[in-house]
Amino acid sequence: MSSVLHPLFEGIILGLTVAISLGPALFALLQTSIKHGIKIGIFLAAGIFTSDLTLVVGFYFGAAQIVTDPRYHLVLGIIGGGVMTIFGIYTFFKKVPLTEQVEAISEIKVKKKGPLPYFFKGFILNLANPFLWVFWITSMLAINATYGGDQKSVALFFVGSLSVILMTDILKVVLANKIKIAGNPQVKLWMNRIVGLLFIIIGAFVISGSLLEYFRGISLQVP
């Protein structure tokens, strides 16, 4: 696989993992799309995506300044990969109530009419999620470490991730009426297991990639 396609493909895997994660944002997107239509749902999805993009771009330039020493690559890679692995294990074994439940956040509501308020509502609500900040900054530092601070590879990785997230969010809006099954407890359970397993694999990839990058740098320095 070429040097361009390699990080892009790996980014797509992270994007798919995030896309199938079950959380309040997913159910808010589905319910809002069902009630107000595809157009409103797409504006909401665009707002959510823009907040993701804002954080990723900000952390991208921040990480480029922080992750400069190869020793930091190793430490941050192990920490970032460890966090992803722990989150994966937690998600994999997370218990789901067997009875049908209605999500606490089922619909995004705005005071003004029109699609634009939904864009800003999606942007602000997603940006206000502290887990989102932790996830993206951990991912950015870990992926920077994995690729040894190669900014081109890091950029391609997150282009792959964000592109998949946007496309799948739009797909969720279009197919909202058909994927309400996501609220089924058994579906939630198996989706959690799949997402957990994928995060464990990504965490292992980040740790192993950071170790390989570090020892490759040492071997190049040996006379």
N, C-alpha and C. Protein backbone atom coordinates (compact mmCIF):
# COMPACT_ATOMS: atom_id res chain seq x y z
N MET A 1 0.85 -1.20 0.00
CA MET A 1 0.00 0.00 0.00
C MET A 1 0.88 1.24 0.00
N SER A 2 0.54 2.26 -0.83
CA SER A 2 1.38 3.44 -0.95
C SER A 2 1.38 4.24 0.34
N SER A 3 2.39 5.14 0.46
CA SER A 3 2.53 5.95 1.66
C SER A 3 1.35 6.89 1.85
N VAL A 4 0.66 7.22 0.75
CA VAL A 4 -0.51 8.11 0.85
C VAL A 4 -1.73 7.33 1.32
N LEU A 5 -1.96 6.15 0.75
CA LEU A 5 -3.15 5.37 1.07
C LEU A 5 -3.09 4.74 2.45
N HIS A 6 -1.89 4.47 2.95
CA HIS A 6 -1.74 3.78 4.23
C HIS A 6 -2.38 4.57 5.38
N PRO A 7 -1.97 5.82 5.66
CA PRO A 7 -2.61 6.57 6.74
C PRO A 7 -4.07 6.89 6.46
N LEU A 8 -4.41 7.09 5.16
CA LEU A 8 -5.80 7.37 4.81
C LEU A 8 -6.70 6.19 5.17
N PHE A 9 -6.25 4.98 4.86
CA PHE A 9 -7.01 3.77 5.17
C PHE A 9 -7.16 3.59 6.67
N GLU A 10 -6.07 3.83 7.42
CA GLU A 10 -6.13 3.68 8.88
C GLU A 10 -7.06 4.73 9.49
N GLY A 11 -7.07 5.93 8.91
CA GLY A 11 -7.99 6.96 9.37
C GLY A 11 -9.44 6.58 9.12
N ILE A 12 -9.69 5.93 8.00
CA ILE A 12 -11.04 5.48 7.67
C ILE A 12 -11.54 4.48 8.71
N ILE A 13 -10.65 3.62 9.20
CA ILE A 13 -11.03 2.64 10.23
C ILE A 13 -11.46 3.35 11.51
N LEU A 14 -10.69 4.38 11.93
CA LEU A 14 -11.09 5.14 13.12
C LEU A 14 -12.42 5.85 12.87
N GLY A 15 -12.59 6.41 11.68
CA GLY A 15 -13.84 7.10 11.35
C GLY A 15 -15.04 6.18 11.42
N LEU A 16 -14.89 4.96 10.90
CA LEU A 16 -15.98 3.98 10.95
C LEU A 16 -16.29 3.58 12.39
N THR A 17 -15.24 3.46 13.21
CA THR A 17 -15.43 3.11 14.62
C THR A 17 -16.24 4.18 15.34
N VAL A 18 -15.87 5.44 15.10
CA VAL A 18 -16.60 6.56 15.72
C VAL A 18 -18.03 6.61 15.17
N ALA A 19 -18.19 6.35 13.88
CA ALA A 19 -19.49 6.46 13.22
C ALA A 19 -20.51 5.48 13.78
N ILE A 20 -20.07 4.28 14.16
CA ILE A 20 -21.03 3.27 14.65
C ILE A 20 -21.14 3.26 16.17
N SER A 21 -20.44 4.19 16.83
CA SER A 21 -20.56 4.30 18.29
C SER A 21 -21.96 4.81 18.64
N LEU A 22 -22.57 4.20 19.64
CA LEU A 22 -23.91 4.60 20.06
C LEU A 22 -23.81 5.60 21.19
N GLY A 23 -24.41 6.77 20.97
CA GLY A 23 -24.38 7.80 22.00
C GLY A 23 -25.52 8.78 21.80
N PRO A 24 -25.64 9.78 22.70
CA PRO A 24 -26.73 10.76 22.61
C PRO A 24 -26.77 11.49 21.27
N ALA A 25 -25.59 11.79 20.70
CA ALA A 25 -25.55 12.53 19.43
C ALA A 25 -26.20 11.73 18.30
N LEU A 26 -25.97 10.42 18.29
CA LEU A 26 -26.57 9.57 17.26
C LEU A 26 -28.08 9.60 17.35
N PHE A 27 -28.61 9.41 18.56
CA PHE A 27 -30.06 9.35 18.73
C PHE A 27 -30.70 10.72 18.51
N ALA A 28 -29.99 11.79 18.89
CA ALA A 28 -30.48 13.14 18.61
C ALA A 28 -30.58 13.38 17.11
N LEU A 29 -29.58 12.90 16.38
CA LEU A 29 -29.55 13.04 14.93
C LEU A 29 -30.71 12.27 14.28
N LEU A 30 -30.91 11.05 14.75
CA LEU A 30 -31.98 10.21 14.20
C LEU A 30 -33.36 10.81 14.47
N GLN A 31 -33.61 11.17 15.73
CA GLN A 31 -34.94 11.66 16.10
C GLN A 31 -35.25 13.01 15.45
N THR A 32 -34.24 13.88 15.38
CA THR A 32 -34.45 15.18 14.74
C THR A 32 -34.74 15.01 13.26
N SER A 33 -34.05 14.09 12.62
CA SER A 33 -34.26 13.84 11.19
C SER A 33 -35.64 13.25 10.94
N ILE A 34 -36.08 12.35 11.82
CA ILE A 34 -37.39 11.72 11.67
C ILE A 34 -38.51 12.76 11.81
N LYS A 35 -38.34 13.66 12.78
CA LYS A 35 -39.40 14.63 13.07
C LYS A 35 -39.40 15.83 12.10
N HIS A 36 -38.20 16.30 11.73
CA HIS A 36 -38.11 17.55 10.96
C HIS A 36 -37.65 17.37 9.52
N GLY A 37 -37.28 16.15 9.15
CA GLY A 37 -36.92 15.90 7.76
C GLY A 37 -35.42 15.85 7.50
N ILE A 38 -35.09 15.43 6.29
CA ILE A 38 -33.69 15.21 5.90
C ILE A 38 -32.89 16.52 5.88
N LYS A 39 -33.49 17.59 5.36
CA LYS A 39 -32.77 18.86 5.24
C LYS A 39 -32.29 19.36 6.60
N ILE A 40 -33.19 19.35 7.58
CA ILE A 40 -32.83 19.80 8.94
C ILE A 40 -31.77 18.87 9.52
N GLY A 41 -31.93 17.58 9.29
CA GLY A 41 -30.97 16.61 9.80
C GLY A 41 -29.58 16.82 9.23
N ILE A 42 -29.50 17.15 7.95
CA ILE A 42 -28.20 17.40 7.32
C ILE A 42 -27.54 18.64 7.90
N PHE A 43 -28.32 19.69 8.15
CA PHE A 43 -27.76 20.90 8.77
C PHE A 43 -27.24 20.59 10.17
N LEU A 44 -27.98 19.77 10.91
CA LEU A 44 -27.53 19.37 12.25
C LEU A 44 -26.25 18.57 12.16
N ALA A 45 -26.20 17.62 11.20
CA ALA A 45 -24.99 16.81 11.00
C ALA A 45 -23.81 17.68 10.60
N ALA A 46 -24.06 18.70 9.76
CA ALA A 46 -23.00 19.61 9.33
C ALA A 46 -22.44 20.40 10.51
N GLY A 47 -23.32 20.80 11.43
CA GLY A 47 -22.87 21.52 12.62
C GLY A 47 -22.01 20.64 13.51
N ILE A 48 -22.44 19.39 13.69
CA ILE A 48 -21.66 18.43 14.49
C ILE A 48 -20.30 18.18 13.85
N PHE A 49 -20.31 18.00 12.52
CA PHE A 49 -19.05 17.76 11.80
C PHE A 49 -18.12 18.97 11.91
N THR A 50 -18.66 20.17 11.78
CA THR A 50 -17.83 21.38 11.84
C THR A 50 -17.15 21.53 13.19
N SER A 51 -17.84 21.15 14.26
CA SER A 51 -17.21 21.21 15.58
C SER A 51 -16.09 20.19 15.70
N ASP A 52 -16.30 18.99 15.13
CA ASP A 52 -15.23 17.98 15.09
C ASP A 52 -14.02 18.52 14.32
N LEU A 53 -14.30 19.10 13.15
CA LEU A 53 -13.25 19.64 12.30
C LEU A 53 -12.48 20.76 13.00
N THR A 54 -13.20 21.62 13.71
CA THR A 54 -12.56 22.73 14.44
C THR A 54 -11.58 22.20 15.48
N LEU A 55 -12.00 21.20 16.24
CA LEU A 55 -11.14 20.63 17.26
C LEU A 55 -9.94 19.93 16.64
N VAL A 56 -10.17 19.15 15.59
CA VAL A 56 -9.09 18.39 14.96
C VAL A 56 -8.04 19.34 14.37
N VAL A 57 -8.48 20.39 13.69
CA VAL A 57 -7.53 21.35 13.10
C VAL A 57 -6.74 22.06 14.20
N GLY A 58 -7.44 22.47 15.26
CA GLY A 58 -6.76 23.13 16.37
C GLY A 58 -5.73 22.23 17.04
N PHE A 59 -6.11 20.99 17.31
CA PHE A 59 -5.18 20.04 17.94
C PHE A 59 -4.07 19.63 16.99
N TYR A 60 -4.35 19.64 15.69
CA TYR A 60 -3.34 19.28 14.69
C TYR A 60 -2.15 20.24 14.77
N PHE A 61 -2.43 21.52 14.78
CA PHE A 61 -1.35 22.51 14.85
C PHE A 61 -0.72 22.55 16.24
N GLY A 62 -1.53 22.29 17.27
CA GLY A 62 -0.99 22.24 18.63
C GLY A 62 -0.05 21.07 18.83
N ALA A 63 -0.46 19.91 18.32
CA ALA A 63 0.35 18.70 18.47
C ALA A 63 1.65 18.82 17.70
N ALA A 64 1.62 19.53 16.57
CA ALA A 64 2.83 19.70 15.77
C ALA A 64 3.91 20.45 16.56
N GLN A 65 3.47 21.31 17.47
CA GLN A 65 4.42 22.05 18.30
C GLN A 65 4.89 21.23 19.51
N ILE A 66 3.99 20.38 20.01
CA ILE A 66 4.30 19.61 21.23
C ILE A 66 5.14 18.37 20.91
N VAL A 67 4.70 17.61 19.89
CA VAL A 67 5.34 16.33 19.60
C VAL A 67 6.52 16.56 18.64
N THR A 68 7.65 16.95 19.20
CA THR A 68 8.84 17.21 18.38
C THR A 68 9.99 16.26 18.72
N ASP A 69 10.07 15.82 19.97
CA ASP A 69 11.13 14.93 20.41
C ASP A 69 10.69 13.48 20.24
N PRO A 70 11.53 12.61 19.65
CA PRO A 70 11.17 11.19 19.47
C PRO A 70 10.79 10.49 20.76
N ARG A 71 11.38 10.92 21.88
CA ARG A 71 11.02 10.32 23.17
C ARG A 71 9.57 10.63 23.53
N TYR A 72 9.12 11.84 23.17
CA TYR A 72 7.73 12.20 23.40
C TYR A 72 6.81 11.36 22.52
N HIS A 73 7.26 11.05 21.30
CA HIS A 73 6.47 10.20 20.41
C HIS A 73 6.13 8.89 21.10
N LEU A 74 7.15 8.28 21.71
CA LEU A 74 6.96 6.98 22.37
C LEU A 74 6.01 7.10 23.55
N VAL A 75 6.26 8.07 24.43
CA VAL A 75 5.45 8.23 25.64
C VAL A 75 4.00 8.54 25.29
N LEU A 76 3.80 9.52 24.40
CA LEU A 76 2.45 9.91 24.03
C LEU A 76 1.73 8.80 23.26
N GLY A 77 2.49 8.05 22.45
CA GLY A 77 1.89 6.94 21.72
C GLY A 77 1.39 5.86 22.66
N ILE A 78 2.20 5.54 23.66
CA ILE A 78 1.80 4.51 24.63
C ILE A 78 0.62 4.98 25.47
N ILE A 79 0.66 6.25 25.90
CA ILE A 79 -0.45 6.79 26.70
C ILE A 79 -1.73 6.85 25.87
N GLY A 80 -1.63 7.40 24.65
CA GLY A 80 -2.80 7.51 23.79
C GLY A 80 -3.37 6.16 23.42
N GLY A 81 -2.49 5.23 23.04
CA GLY A 81 -2.94 3.88 22.71
C GLY A 81 -3.54 3.18 23.91
N GLY A 82 -2.96 3.43 25.08
CA GLY A 82 -3.48 2.83 26.31
C GLY A 82 -4.88 3.33 26.63
N VAL A 83 -5.09 4.65 26.46
CA VAL A 83 -6.41 5.24 26.71
C VAL A 83 -7.45 4.64 25.77
N MET A 84 -7.08 4.51 24.49
CA MET A 84 -8.02 3.91 23.52
C MET A 84 -8.32 2.45 23.85
N THR A 85 -7.30 1.73 24.28
CA THR A 85 -7.49 0.32 24.63
C THR A 85 -8.40 0.18 25.85
N ILE A 86 -8.17 1.01 26.87
CA ILE A 86 -8.99 0.98 28.08
C ILE A 86 -10.44 1.34 27.75
N PHE A 87 -10.61 2.37 26.90
CA PHE A 87 -11.97 2.75 26.48
C PHE A 87 -12.63 1.61 25.72
N GLY A 88 -11.84 0.91 24.89
CA GLY A 88 -12.36 -0.22 24.13
C GLY A 88 -12.81 -1.35 25.04
N ILE A 89 -12.01 -1.66 26.06
CA ILE A 89 -12.36 -2.71 27.01
C ILE A 89 -13.63 -2.34 27.77
N TYR A 90 -13.71 -1.06 28.20
CA TYR A 90 -14.89 -0.58 28.93
C TYR A 90 -16.15 -0.70 28.07
N THR A 91 -16.03 -0.26 26.80
CA THR A 91 -17.17 -0.31 25.89
C THR A 91 -17.58 -1.75 25.59
N PHE A 92 -16.59 -2.62 25.42
CA PHE A 92 -16.86 -4.02 25.09
C PHE A 92 -17.68 -4.69 26.20
N PHE A 93 -17.32 -4.42 27.46
CA PHE A 93 -17.99 -5.08 28.59
C PHE A 93 -19.11 -4.24 29.20
N LYS A 94 -19.42 -3.10 28.57
CA LYS A 94 -20.47 -2.22 29.10
C LYS A 94 -21.82 -2.93 29.06
N LYS A 95 -22.52 -2.91 30.19
CA LYS A 95 -23.82 -3.59 30.27
C LYS A 95 -24.92 -2.71 29.69
N VAL A 96 -25.86 -3.34 29.03
CA VAL A 96 -27.00 -2.65 28.44
C VAL A 96 -28.27 -3.21 29.06
N PRO A 97 -29.16 -2.35 29.63
CA PRO A 97 -30.42 -2.84 30.19
C PRO A 97 -31.22 -3.61 29.16
N LEU A 98 -31.82 -4.71 29.57
CA LEU A 98 -32.56 -5.57 28.65
C LEU A 98 -33.90 -4.98 28.23
N THR A 99 -34.39 -3.99 29.01
CA THR A 99 -35.67 -3.37 28.66
C THR A 99 -35.44 -2.21 27.72
N GLU A 100 -36.41 -1.94 26.89
CA GLU A 100 -36.33 -0.85 25.91
C GLU A 100 -36.30 0.47 26.66
N GLN A 101 -35.39 1.37 26.26
CA GLN A 101 -35.29 2.66 26.91
C GLN A 101 -35.33 3.79 25.88
N VAL A 102 -35.85 4.93 26.30
CA VAL A 102 -35.83 6.11 25.45
C VAL A 102 -34.65 6.95 25.88
N GLU A 103 -33.82 7.36 24.92
CA GLU A 103 -32.64 8.14 25.24
C GLU A 103 -33.03 9.47 25.88
N ALA A 104 -32.21 9.91 26.87
CA ALA A 104 -32.49 11.16 27.56
C ALA A 104 -32.47 12.33 26.57
N ILE A 105 -31.54 12.30 25.63
CA ILE A 105 -31.46 13.34 24.60
C ILE A 105 -31.97 12.71 23.31
N SER A 106 -33.22 12.98 22.96
CA SER A 106 -33.80 12.32 21.80
C SER A 106 -33.99 13.25 20.61
N GLU A 107 -34.00 14.55 20.87
CA GLU A 107 -34.25 15.48 19.77
C GLU A 107 -33.62 16.82 20.09
N ILE A 108 -33.03 17.45 19.08
CA ILE A 108 -32.47 18.78 19.22
C ILE A 108 -33.58 19.79 18.93
N LYS A 109 -33.84 20.71 19.86
CA LYS A 109 -34.88 21.71 19.66
C LYS A 109 -34.26 23.11 19.60
N VAL A 110 -34.80 23.94 18.73
CA VAL A 110 -34.33 25.33 18.61
C VAL A 110 -35.54 26.25 18.65
N LYS A 111 -35.30 27.52 19.03
CA LYS A 111 -36.40 28.48 19.16
C LYS A 111 -36.78 29.09 17.81
N LYS A 112 -35.76 29.36 16.96
CA LYS A 112 -36.03 29.98 15.67
C LYS A 112 -36.28 28.92 14.60
N LYS A 113 -37.09 29.28 13.62
CA LYS A 113 -37.40 28.36 12.54
C LYS A 113 -36.30 28.38 11.48
N GLY A 114 -36.27 27.34 10.67
CA GLY A 114 -35.29 27.26 9.60
C GLY A 114 -34.17 26.29 9.92
N PRO A 115 -33.39 25.90 8.91
CA PRO A 115 -32.33 24.90 9.11
C PRO A 115 -31.06 25.44 9.78
N LEU A 116 -30.75 26.75 9.57
CA LEU A 116 -29.49 27.29 10.07
C LEU A 116 -29.33 27.20 11.59
N PRO A 117 -30.39 27.48 12.38
CA PRO A 117 -30.25 27.33 13.83
C PRO A 117 -29.84 25.92 14.26
N TYR A 118 -30.25 24.91 13.48
CA TYR A 118 -29.87 23.52 13.80
C TYR A 118 -28.38 23.30 13.57
N PHE A 119 -27.83 23.98 12.58
CA PHE A 119 -26.39 23.91 12.34
C PHE A 119 -25.62 24.42 13.56
N PHE A 120 -26.00 25.61 14.05
CA PHE A 120 -25.30 26.20 15.19
C PHE A 120 -25.56 25.42 16.47
N LYS A 121 -26.76 24.88 16.61
CA LYS A 121 -27.09 24.07 17.79
C LYS A 121 -26.23 22.81 17.82
N GLY A 122 -26.13 22.16 16.65
CA GLY A 122 -25.29 20.95 16.56
C GLY A 122 -23.84 21.26 16.85
N PHE A 123 -23.36 22.38 16.32
CA PHE A 123 -21.97 22.81 16.53
C PHE A 123 -21.69 23.05 18.01
N ILE A 124 -22.55 23.83 18.66
CA ILE A 124 -22.32 24.21 20.07
C ILE A 124 -22.47 23.02 21.00
N LEU A 125 -23.53 22.22 20.81
CA LEU A 125 -23.76 21.08 21.71
C LEU A 125 -22.65 20.05 21.60
N ASN A 126 -22.19 19.80 20.39
CA ASN A 126 -21.11 18.83 20.20
C ASN A 126 -19.80 19.36 20.78
N LEU A 127 -19.55 20.67 20.59
CA LEU A 127 -18.33 21.29 21.10
C LEU A 127 -18.32 21.33 22.63
N ALA A 128 -19.52 21.36 23.23
CA ALA A 128 -19.62 21.42 24.69
C ALA A 128 -19.44 20.07 25.37
N ASN A 129 -19.28 19.01 24.56
CA ASN A 129 -19.11 17.66 25.10
C ASN A 129 -17.65 17.45 25.51
N PRO A 130 -17.36 17.35 26.82
CA PRO A 130 -15.96 17.22 27.27
C PRO A 130 -15.29 15.94 26.77
N PHE A 131 -16.08 14.87 26.60
CA PHE A 131 -15.50 13.62 26.09
C PHE A 131 -14.93 13.81 24.69
N LEU A 132 -15.60 14.65 23.90
CA LEU A 132 -15.15 14.91 22.53
C LEU A 132 -13.75 15.54 22.54
N TRP A 133 -13.53 16.48 23.45
CA TRP A 133 -12.22 17.12 23.56
C TRP A 133 -11.15 16.10 23.94
N VAL A 134 -11.47 15.27 24.94
CA VAL A 134 -10.51 14.25 25.39
C VAL A 134 -10.21 13.27 24.26
N PHE A 135 -11.26 12.85 23.55
CA PHE A 135 -11.08 11.87 22.48
C PHE A 135 -10.19 12.41 21.37
N TRP A 136 -10.49 13.61 20.88
CA TRP A 136 -9.74 14.13 19.74
C TRP A 136 -8.31 14.52 20.10
N ILE A 137 -8.09 15.07 21.29
CA ILE A 137 -6.72 15.45 21.65
C ILE A 137 -5.88 14.20 21.91
N THR A 138 -6.50 13.17 22.50
CA THR A 138 -5.79 11.90 22.70
C THR A 138 -5.45 11.26 21.37
N SER A 139 -6.44 11.25 20.47
CA SER A 139 -6.23 10.67 19.14
C SER A 139 -5.14 11.42 18.38
N MET A 140 -5.18 12.75 18.43
CA MET A 140 -4.21 13.56 17.69
C MET A 140 -2.79 13.32 18.19
N LEU A 141 -2.59 13.35 19.50
CA LEU A 141 -1.25 13.13 20.05
C LEU A 141 -0.77 11.71 19.76
N ALA A 142 -1.69 10.74 19.90
CA ALA A 142 -1.31 9.34 19.67
C ALA A 142 -0.94 9.09 18.21
N ILE A 143 -1.73 9.62 17.29
CA ILE A 143 -1.45 9.41 15.87
C ILE A 143 -0.20 10.16 15.44
N ASN A 144 0.03 11.35 16.01
CA ASN A 144 1.29 12.07 15.76
C ASN A 144 2.48 11.23 16.17
N ALA A 145 2.34 10.59 17.32
CA ALA A 145 3.42 9.74 17.82
C ALA A 145 3.62 8.52 16.94
N THR A 146 2.52 7.93 16.49
CA THR A 146 2.58 6.73 15.65
C THR A 146 3.31 6.99 14.34
N TYR A 147 3.07 8.16 13.76
CA TYR A 147 3.72 8.50 12.48
C TYR A 147 4.99 9.32 12.66
N GLY A 148 5.50 9.36 13.88
CA GLY A 148 6.76 10.04 14.14
C GLY A 148 6.73 11.51 13.84
N GLY A 149 5.57 12.15 14.01
CA GLY A 149 5.46 13.58 13.78
C GLY A 149 5.38 13.97 12.31
N ASP A 150 5.20 12.98 11.42
CA ASP A 150 5.06 13.26 9.98
C ASP A 150 3.69 13.91 9.75
N GLN A 151 3.67 15.22 9.55
CA GLN A 151 2.42 15.97 9.48
C GLN A 151 1.57 15.61 8.27
N LYS A 152 2.20 15.22 7.17
CA LYS A 152 1.44 14.82 5.99
C LYS A 152 0.63 13.56 6.27
N SER A 153 1.27 12.57 6.91
CA SER A 153 0.59 11.31 7.23
C SER A 153 -0.52 11.54 8.25
N VAL A 154 -0.25 12.41 9.23
CA VAL A 154 -1.26 12.72 10.26
C VAL A 154 -2.46 13.40 9.61
N ALA A 155 -2.19 14.35 8.72
CA ALA A 155 -3.28 15.06 8.03
C ALA A 155 -4.12 14.08 7.21
N LEU A 156 -3.47 13.18 6.49
CA LEU A 156 -4.19 12.20 5.68
C LEU A 156 -5.04 11.28 6.55
N PHE A 157 -4.49 10.90 7.70
CA PHE A 157 -5.22 10.03 8.64
C PHE A 157 -6.54 10.68 9.05
N PHE A 158 -6.48 11.95 9.44
CA PHE A 158 -7.69 12.61 9.93
C PHE A 158 -8.61 13.06 8.80
N VAL A 159 -8.08 13.25 7.60
CA VAL A 159 -8.94 13.47 6.44
C VAL A 159 -9.80 12.23 6.22
N GLY A 160 -9.18 11.05 6.32
CA GLY A 160 -9.92 9.80 6.20
C GLY A 160 -10.97 9.65 7.28
N SER A 161 -10.60 9.94 8.53
CA SER A 161 -11.52 9.81 9.66
C SER A 161 -12.72 10.73 9.52
N LEU A 162 -12.45 12.03 9.32
CA LEU A 162 -13.52 13.02 9.29
C LEU A 162 -14.42 12.85 8.06
N SER A 163 -13.84 12.44 6.94
CA SER A 163 -14.65 12.23 5.73
C SER A 163 -15.67 11.12 5.96
N VAL A 164 -15.22 10.03 6.59
CA VAL A 164 -16.12 8.91 6.86
C VAL A 164 -17.19 9.32 7.87
N ILE A 165 -16.81 10.07 8.90
CA ILE A 165 -17.78 10.51 9.91
C ILE A 165 -18.86 11.37 9.27
N LEU A 166 -18.46 12.31 8.40
CA LEU A 166 -19.45 13.17 7.73
C LEU A 166 -20.37 12.36 6.82
N MET A 167 -19.80 11.48 6.02
CA MET A 167 -20.61 10.69 5.08
C MET A 167 -21.58 9.77 5.81
N THR A 168 -21.12 9.15 6.89
CA THR A 168 -22.01 8.24 7.63
C THR A 168 -23.08 9.00 8.39
N ASP A 169 -22.76 10.22 8.87
CA ASP A 169 -23.77 11.03 9.55
C ASP A 169 -24.88 11.43 8.58
N ILE A 170 -24.51 11.79 7.36
CA ILE A 170 -25.51 12.12 6.34
C ILE A 170 -26.33 10.89 6.00
N LEU A 171 -25.67 9.73 5.93
CA LEU A 171 -26.38 8.47 5.66
C LEU A 171 -27.37 8.15 6.77
N LYS A 172 -26.98 8.43 8.02
CA LYS A 172 -27.88 8.20 9.15
C LYS A 172 -29.13 9.07 9.03
N VAL A 173 -28.92 10.31 8.59
CA VAL A 173 -30.05 11.24 8.42
C VAL A 173 -31.01 10.71 7.35
N VAL A 174 -30.46 10.29 6.22
CA VAL A 174 -31.28 9.80 5.10
C VAL A 174 -32.03 8.53 5.48
N LEU A 175 -31.38 7.66 6.25
CA LEU A 175 -31.97 6.36 6.60
C LEU A 175 -32.52 6.33 8.02
N ALA A 176 -32.77 7.50 8.60
CA ALA A 176 -33.18 7.59 10.01
C ALA A 176 -34.36 6.69 10.35
N ASN A 177 -35.37 6.69 9.49
CA ASN A 177 -36.56 5.88 9.77
C ASN A 177 -36.28 4.38 9.75
N LYS A 178 -35.24 3.99 9.04
CA LYS A 178 -34.94 2.57 8.89
C LYS A 178 -33.95 2.04 9.93
N ILE A 179 -33.26 2.94 10.64
CA ILE A 179 -32.26 2.47 11.61
C ILE A 179 -32.64 2.82 13.04
N LYS A 180 -33.96 2.99 13.28
CA LYS A 180 -34.43 3.21 14.65
C LYS A 180 -34.14 1.99 15.51
N ILE A 181 -33.84 0.86 14.84
CA ILE A 181 -33.52 -0.38 15.56
C ILE A 181 -32.30 -0.21 16.45
N ALA A 182 -31.52 0.87 16.23
CA ALA A 182 -30.33 1.12 17.04
C ALA A 182 -30.66 1.27 18.52
N GLY A 183 -31.94 1.56 18.82
CA GLY A 183 -32.34 1.68 20.22
C GLY A 183 -32.65 0.35 20.88
N ASN A 184 -32.68 -0.73 20.10
CA ASN A 184 -32.94 -2.06 20.63
C ASN A 184 -31.79 -2.51 21.54
N PRO A 185 -32.08 -3.00 22.75
CA PRO A 185 -31.01 -3.39 23.69
C PRO A 185 -30.02 -4.39 23.13
N GLN A 186 -30.51 -5.42 22.41
CA GLN A 186 -29.59 -6.42 21.85
C GLN A 186 -28.67 -5.82 20.79
N VAL A 187 -29.23 -4.91 19.98
CA VAL A 187 -28.41 -4.22 18.98
C VAL A 187 -27.36 -3.36 19.67
N LYS A 188 -27.76 -2.64 20.71
CA LYS A 188 -26.82 -1.81 21.48
C LYS A 188 -25.68 -2.66 22.03
N LEU A 189 -26.04 -3.82 22.58
CA LEU A 189 -25.04 -4.70 23.19
C LEU A 189 -23.99 -5.12 22.17
N TRP A 190 -24.44 -5.58 21.00
CA TRP A 190 -23.49 -6.05 19.99
C TRP A 190 -22.73 -4.91 19.33
N MET A 191 -23.37 -3.76 19.20
CA MET A 191 -22.66 -2.60 18.66
C MET A 191 -21.56 -2.15 19.62
N ASN A 192 -21.85 -2.19 20.92
CA ASN A 192 -20.83 -1.85 21.91
C ASN A 192 -19.65 -2.82 21.83
N ARG A 193 -19.94 -4.09 21.62
CA ARG A 193 -18.85 -5.08 21.53
C ARG A 193 -17.99 -4.85 20.29
N ILE A 194 -18.65 -4.52 19.17
CA ILE A 194 -17.90 -4.27 17.93
C ILE A 194 -17.04 -3.01 18.08
N VAL A 195 -17.65 -1.94 18.60
CA VAL A 195 -16.91 -0.68 18.79
C VAL A 195 -15.77 -0.88 19.78
N GLY A 196 -16.04 -1.59 20.87
CA GLY A 196 -15.00 -1.85 21.86
C GLY A 196 -13.83 -2.61 21.28
N LEU A 197 -14.14 -3.63 20.50
CA LEU A 197 -13.08 -4.44 19.87
C LEU A 197 -12.26 -3.59 18.89
N LEU A 198 -12.91 -2.74 18.12
CA LEU A 198 -12.21 -1.88 17.17
C LEU A 198 -11.29 -0.90 17.89
N PHE A 199 -11.76 -0.34 19.01
CA PHE A 199 -10.92 0.60 19.77
C PHE A 199 -9.71 -0.12 20.38
N ILE A 200 -9.90 -1.36 20.80
CA ILE A 200 -8.78 -2.14 21.33
C ILE A 200 -7.74 -2.37 20.23
N ILE A 201 -8.22 -2.70 19.03
CA ILE A 201 -7.31 -2.91 17.89
C ILE A 201 -6.58 -1.62 17.53
N ILE A 202 -7.31 -0.50 17.50
CA ILE A 202 -6.69 0.79 17.18
C ILE A 202 -5.66 1.16 18.24
N GLY A 203 -6.00 0.93 19.52
CA GLY A 203 -5.06 1.21 20.60
C GLY A 203 -3.79 0.40 20.47
N ALA A 204 -3.94 -0.89 20.13
CA ALA A 204 -2.77 -1.76 19.93
C ALA A 204 -1.93 -1.29 18.74
N PHE A 205 -2.61 -0.82 17.69
CA PHE A 205 -1.90 -0.29 16.52
C PHE A 205 -1.09 0.95 16.89
N VAL A 206 -1.69 1.84 17.67
CA VAL A 206 -1.00 3.07 18.07
C VAL A 206 0.23 2.76 18.92
N ILE A 207 0.08 1.86 19.88
CA ILE A 207 1.21 1.50 20.76
C ILE A 207 2.32 0.83 19.95
N SER A 208 1.97 -0.15 19.13
CA SER A 208 2.98 -0.86 18.34
C SER A 208 3.63 0.07 17.33
N GLY A 209 2.83 0.96 16.72
CA GLY A 209 3.38 1.90 15.76
C GLY A 209 4.36 2.86 16.39
N SER A 210 4.05 3.32 17.61
CA SER A 210 4.93 4.23 18.34
C SER A 210 6.24 3.54 18.71
N LEU A 211 6.14 2.28 19.13
CA LEU A 211 7.35 1.52 19.48
C LEU A 211 8.23 1.29 18.25
N LEU A 212 7.61 0.91 17.13
CA LEU A 212 8.37 0.68 15.90
C LEU A 212 9.04 1.97 15.42
N GLU A 213 8.31 3.07 15.50
CA GLU A 213 8.86 4.36 15.07
C GLU A 213 10.04 4.77 15.94
N TYR A 214 9.92 4.51 17.25
CA TYR A 214 10.98 4.88 18.19
C TYR A 214 12.24 4.05 17.95
N PHE A 215 12.08 2.72 17.84
CA PHE A 215 13.25 1.85 17.67
C PHE A 215 13.84 1.98 16.26
N ARG A 216 13.01 2.36 15.28
CA ARG A 216 13.54 2.62 13.95
C ARG A 216 14.45 3.86 13.99
N GLY A 217 14.03 4.86 14.76
CA GLY A 217 14.85 6.07 14.90
C GLY A 217 16.15 5.78 15.60
N ILE A 218 16.13 4.91 16.60
CA ILE A 218 17.37 4.54 17.31
C ILE A 218 18.32 3.81 16.37
N SER A 219 17.78 2.87 15.58
CA SER A 219 18.62 2.08 14.68
C SER A 219 19.26 2.97 13.61
N LEU A 220 18.57 4.03 13.20
CA LEU A 220 19.13 4.93 12.19
C LEU A 220 20.26 5.78 12.76
N GLN A 221 20.24 5.99 14.09
CA GLN A 221 21.26 6.80 14.72
C GLN A 221 22.52 5.99 15.06
N VAL A 222 22.38 4.67 15.06
CA VAL A 222 23.53 3.82 15.38
C VAL A 222 24.54 3.85 14.23
N PRO A 223 25.81 4.19 14.47
CA PRO A 223 26.80 4.28 13.40
C PRO A 223 27.11 2.91 12.80
